Structure formats: structure tokens, C-alpha cells
Amino acid sequence: MVVIRLARGGSKKRPFYSLVATDSRNRRDGRFIERLGFYNPVAVEGSDQVRISLDRIKYWKDNGAELSSVVSRLVKEYSKKQTSGL
């Protein structure tokens, strides 16, 4: 089963997460199918904290992928911000 979840990167005490589509049996930071965006919880003012490819998220959801709880929250907030910004 394909799942969309966060893969941790960055250095110690400076986390950086990639939103990836991967097989649920793969390790958290292991092999993935496609990178769909990123989440930087320690971003400074003026830089992007979250960037998500909403069309690719929709594609994977239409093909049966499940979103993790954190990713679903991030997508919901990001899509709300994108629609209000237009």
C-alpha cells in the first residue's frame, strides 16, 4: 500500500522533513516513490515553512494512497492558505 508521510532530514536539532509517497513497508527515511513537498518546522521569517504539490497529492489519493495524520493536517492547512491567498 502506498502511503504519503514525512521523511526526516536535516542535522541534529535542525529537522527538515520531506513529504514523500512510499510503500508502507519501507523505512521512514528509506526508499520512496516520489517527493511531494517539504516541511521546515524551524524556518526563519521570510522563507517557506511548507511547500506541497497539491496536484500530485490529489493524484496519489485518487490512486489509493493514504495520508499520515500529520501530512493530512499539513495539507489541510496549506490548501486553506493557498485558496485564501488567491
N, C-alpha and C. Protein backbone atom coordinates (compact mmCIF):
# COMPACT_ATOMS: atom_id res chain seq x y z
N MET A 1 0.84 -1.17 0.00
CA MET A 1 0.00 0.00 0.00
C MET A 1 0.89 1.25 0.00
N VAL A 2 0.50 2.23 -0.78
CA VAL A 2 1.24 3.49 -0.85
C VAL A 2 0.73 4.42 0.24
N VAL A 3 1.66 5.04 0.93
CA VAL A 3 1.32 5.98 1.99
C VAL A 3 2.12 7.26 1.77
N ILE A 4 1.51 8.39 2.07
CA ILE A 4 2.19 9.68 1.98
C ILE A 4 2.53 10.10 3.41
N ARG A 5 3.82 10.25 3.67
CA ARG A 5 4.27 10.54 5.03
C ARG A 5 5.50 11.43 4.99
N LEU A 6 5.98 11.81 6.18
CA LEU A 6 7.17 12.64 6.31
C LEU A 6 8.41 11.77 6.40
N ALA A 7 9.48 12.20 5.74
CA ALA A 7 10.79 11.57 5.87
C ALA A 7 11.73 12.62 6.44
N ARG A 8 12.40 12.29 7.54
CA ARG A 8 13.21 13.29 8.24
C ARG A 8 14.57 13.44 7.58
N GLY A 9 14.98 14.69 7.50
CA GLY A 9 16.31 15.04 7.02
C GLY A 9 16.87 16.09 7.94
N GLY A 10 17.90 16.77 7.53
CA GLY A 10 18.49 17.82 8.35
C GLY A 10 19.47 17.27 9.35
N SER A 11 20.01 18.15 10.13
CA SER A 11 21.00 17.75 11.11
C SER A 11 20.39 17.69 12.50
N LYS A 12 21.22 17.38 13.46
CA LYS A 12 20.76 17.27 14.83
C LYS A 12 20.20 18.61 15.31
N LYS A 13 19.01 18.57 15.88
CA LYS A 13 18.29 19.74 16.41
C LYS A 13 17.91 20.76 15.34
N ARG A 14 18.02 20.40 14.06
CA ARG A 14 17.58 21.24 12.94
C ARG A 14 16.80 20.38 11.96
N PRO A 15 15.60 19.92 12.34
CA PRO A 15 14.86 18.98 11.49
C PRO A 15 14.37 19.62 10.20
N PHE A 16 14.29 18.80 9.18
CA PHE A 16 13.74 19.17 7.88
C PHE A 16 13.04 17.93 7.35
N TYR A 17 11.79 18.06 6.98
CA TYR A 17 11.01 16.90 6.56
C TYR A 17 10.61 17.01 5.10
N SER A 18 10.70 15.91 4.38
CA SER A 18 10.20 15.82 3.02
C SER A 18 8.89 15.06 3.04
N LEU A 19 7.91 15.52 2.28
CA LEU A 19 6.67 14.77 2.10
C LEU A 19 6.91 13.81 0.95
N VAL A 20 6.78 12.53 1.20
CA VAL A 20 7.09 11.53 0.18
C VAL A 20 5.96 10.52 0.05
N ALA A 21 5.81 10.01 -1.15
CA ALA A 21 4.93 8.88 -1.40
C ALA A 21 5.82 7.64 -1.40
N THR A 22 5.49 6.66 -0.57
CA THR A 22 6.33 5.48 -0.43
C THR A 22 5.48 4.26 -0.13
N ASP A 23 6.07 3.11 -0.30
CA ASP A 23 5.42 1.87 0.11
C ASP A 23 5.44 1.83 1.64
N SER A 24 4.35 1.41 2.23
CA SER A 24 4.25 1.44 3.69
C SER A 24 5.25 0.51 4.37
N ARG A 25 5.80 -0.44 3.64
CA ARG A 25 6.76 -1.38 4.24
C ARG A 25 8.18 -0.83 4.28
N ASN A 26 8.44 0.27 3.59
CA ASN A 26 9.77 0.87 3.59
C ASN A 26 10.02 1.63 4.89
N ARG A 27 11.30 1.81 5.21
CA ARG A 27 11.67 2.57 6.40
C ARG A 27 11.27 4.03 6.26
N ARG A 28 11.17 4.72 7.39
CA ARG A 28 10.73 6.12 7.38
C ARG A 28 11.58 6.98 6.46
N ASP A 29 12.89 6.86 6.55
CA ASP A 29 13.79 7.69 5.75
C ASP A 29 14.38 6.92 4.58
N GLY A 30 13.80 5.78 4.26
CA GLY A 30 14.34 4.93 3.21
C GLY A 30 13.85 5.31 1.83
N ARG A 31 13.74 4.28 1.00
CA ARG A 31 13.37 4.46 -0.40
C ARG A 31 11.96 5.04 -0.52
N PHE A 32 11.77 5.90 -1.50
CA PHE A 32 10.45 6.48 -1.74
C PHE A 32 10.18 6.51 -3.23
N ILE A 33 8.92 6.70 -3.59
CA ILE A 33 8.49 6.72 -4.98
C ILE A 33 8.62 8.13 -5.55
N GLU A 34 8.11 9.12 -4.81
CA GLU A 34 8.10 10.49 -5.30
C GLU A 34 8.13 11.47 -4.13
N ARG A 35 8.87 12.56 -4.30
CA ARG A 35 8.91 13.63 -3.30
C ARG A 35 7.83 14.63 -3.67
N LEU A 36 6.95 14.95 -2.72
CA LEU A 36 5.78 15.78 -2.99
C LEU A 36 5.85 17.16 -2.37
N GLY A 37 6.85 17.43 -1.57
CA GLY A 37 6.97 18.74 -0.94
C GLY A 37 7.88 18.67 0.26
N PHE A 38 7.86 19.71 1.07
CA PHE A 38 8.69 19.73 2.27
C PHE A 38 7.99 20.48 3.39
N TYR A 39 8.48 20.25 4.61
CA TYR A 39 8.02 20.94 5.82
C TYR A 39 9.24 21.26 6.65
N ASN A 40 9.44 22.55 6.94
CA ASN A 40 10.57 23.00 7.72
C ASN A 40 10.05 23.66 9.00
N PRO A 41 10.00 22.92 10.11
CA PRO A 41 9.40 23.46 11.34
C PRO A 41 10.22 24.58 11.98
N VAL A 42 11.48 24.72 11.62
CA VAL A 42 12.32 25.76 12.22
C VAL A 42 12.69 26.82 11.19
N ALA A 43 11.82 27.08 10.22
CA ALA A 43 12.08 28.08 9.19
C ALA A 43 12.09 29.48 9.80
N VAL A 44 12.98 30.31 9.27
CA VAL A 44 13.06 31.69 9.73
C VAL A 44 12.03 32.52 8.97
N GLU A 45 11.74 33.72 9.48
CA GLU A 45 10.78 34.61 8.81
C GLU A 45 11.24 34.90 7.40
N GLY A 46 10.28 34.93 6.50
CA GLY A 46 10.59 35.27 5.11
C GLY A 46 10.87 34.08 4.23
N SER A 47 11.01 32.89 4.80
CA SER A 47 11.24 31.70 3.98
C SER A 47 10.03 30.76 4.13
N ASP A 48 9.89 29.87 3.17
CA ASP A 48 8.75 28.95 3.18
C ASP A 48 8.90 27.93 4.30
N GLN A 49 7.84 27.74 5.06
CA GLN A 49 7.83 26.70 6.07
C GLN A 49 7.29 25.41 5.48
N VAL A 50 6.32 25.54 4.59
CA VAL A 50 5.69 24.37 3.96
C VAL A 50 5.52 24.66 2.47
N ARG A 51 5.85 23.66 1.65
CA ARG A 51 5.54 23.73 0.23
C ARG A 51 5.09 22.34 -0.19
N ILE A 52 3.88 22.27 -0.75
CA ILE A 52 3.30 20.98 -1.11
C ILE A 52 2.76 21.06 -2.53
N SER A 53 2.99 20.01 -3.30
CA SER A 53 2.43 19.89 -4.63
C SER A 53 1.04 19.26 -4.51
N LEU A 54 0.01 20.12 -4.43
CA LEU A 54 -1.35 19.65 -4.17
C LEU A 54 -1.90 18.79 -5.30
N ASP A 55 -1.49 19.08 -6.55
CA ASP A 55 -1.98 18.25 -7.65
C ASP A 55 -1.44 16.83 -7.59
N ARG A 56 -0.19 16.67 -7.14
CA ARG A 56 0.38 15.33 -7.00
C ARG A 56 -0.21 14.60 -5.79
N ILE A 57 -0.53 15.32 -4.72
CA ILE A 57 -1.21 14.72 -3.57
C ILE A 57 -2.57 14.18 -4.01
N LYS A 58 -3.30 14.99 -4.80
CA LYS A 58 -4.60 14.56 -5.30
C LYS A 58 -4.46 13.32 -6.19
N TYR A 59 -3.43 13.31 -7.05
CA TYR A 59 -3.20 12.15 -7.91
C TYR A 59 -3.00 10.88 -7.09
N TRP A 60 -2.15 10.95 -6.07
CA TRP A 60 -1.87 9.77 -5.25
C TRP A 60 -3.09 9.35 -4.45
N LYS A 61 -3.85 10.30 -3.92
CA LYS A 61 -5.06 9.95 -3.18
C LYS A 61 -6.09 9.28 -4.08
N ASP A 62 -6.21 9.77 -5.32
CA ASP A 62 -7.14 9.16 -6.28
C ASP A 62 -6.73 7.74 -6.64
N ASN A 63 -5.44 7.42 -6.52
CA ASN A 63 -4.94 6.09 -6.83
C ASN A 63 -4.80 5.22 -5.59
N GLY A 64 -5.41 5.61 -4.47
CA GLY A 64 -5.49 4.74 -3.31
C GLY A 64 -4.47 4.98 -2.22
N ALA A 65 -3.66 6.03 -2.31
CA ALA A 65 -2.68 6.29 -1.26
C ALA A 65 -3.37 6.86 -0.03
N GLU A 66 -2.81 6.54 1.13
CA GLU A 66 -3.32 7.07 2.39
C GLU A 66 -2.35 8.11 2.92
N LEU A 67 -2.88 9.14 3.57
CA LEU A 67 -2.06 10.18 4.17
C LEU A 67 -1.88 9.89 5.65
N SER A 68 -0.68 10.14 6.15
CA SER A 68 -0.48 10.02 7.60
C SER A 68 -1.23 11.17 8.27
N SER A 69 -1.40 11.08 9.57
CA SER A 69 -2.18 12.10 10.29
C SER A 69 -1.52 13.47 10.21
N VAL A 70 -0.20 13.52 10.33
CA VAL A 70 0.50 14.80 10.27
C VAL A 70 0.43 15.38 8.87
N VAL A 71 0.60 14.55 7.86
CA VAL A 71 0.55 15.03 6.48
C VAL A 71 -0.84 15.54 6.14
N SER A 72 -1.88 14.86 6.59
CA SER A 72 -3.24 15.33 6.31
C SER A 72 -3.49 16.70 6.95
N ARG A 73 -2.96 16.92 8.15
CA ARG A 73 -3.08 18.22 8.80
C ARG A 73 -2.33 19.29 8.01
N LEU A 74 -1.10 18.99 7.57
CA LEU A 74 -0.32 19.95 6.80
C LEU A 74 -0.98 20.29 5.47
N VAL A 75 -1.52 19.29 4.79
CA VAL A 75 -2.18 19.52 3.51
C VAL A 75 -3.42 20.38 3.70
N LYS A 76 -4.17 20.11 4.74
CA LYS A 76 -5.38 20.89 5.02
C LYS A 76 -5.04 22.36 5.27
N GLU A 77 -4.03 22.62 6.09
CA GLU A 77 -3.62 23.99 6.39
C GLU A 77 -3.06 24.68 5.15
N TYR A 78 -2.24 23.96 4.37
CA TYR A 78 -1.61 24.54 3.19
C TYR A 78 -2.65 24.87 2.12
N SER A 79 -3.61 23.98 1.90
CA SER A 79 -4.63 24.23 0.89
C SER A 79 -5.53 25.39 1.30
N LYS A 80 -5.80 25.52 2.60
CA LYS A 80 -6.61 26.64 3.09
C LYS A 80 -5.85 27.95 2.86
N LYS A 81 -4.54 27.95 3.12
CA LYS A 81 -3.73 29.13 2.92
C LYS A 81 -3.64 29.50 1.43
N GLN A 82 -3.55 28.50 0.56
CA GLN A 82 -3.46 28.76 -0.88
C GLN A 82 -4.74 29.34 -1.43
N THR A 83 -5.90 28.84 -0.99
CA THR A 83 -7.16 29.35 -1.50
C THR A 83 -7.46 30.75 -0.97
N SER A 84 -7.05 31.03 0.26
CA SER A 84 -7.31 32.38 0.81
C SER A 84 -6.34 33.39 0.23
N GLY A 85 -5.16 32.95 -0.22
CA GLY A 85 -4.16 33.86 -0.78
C GLY A 85 -4.46 34.29 -2.19
N LEU A 86 -5.38 33.62 -2.87
CA LEU A 86 -5.69 33.98 -4.26
C LEU A 86 -6.61 35.11 -4.38
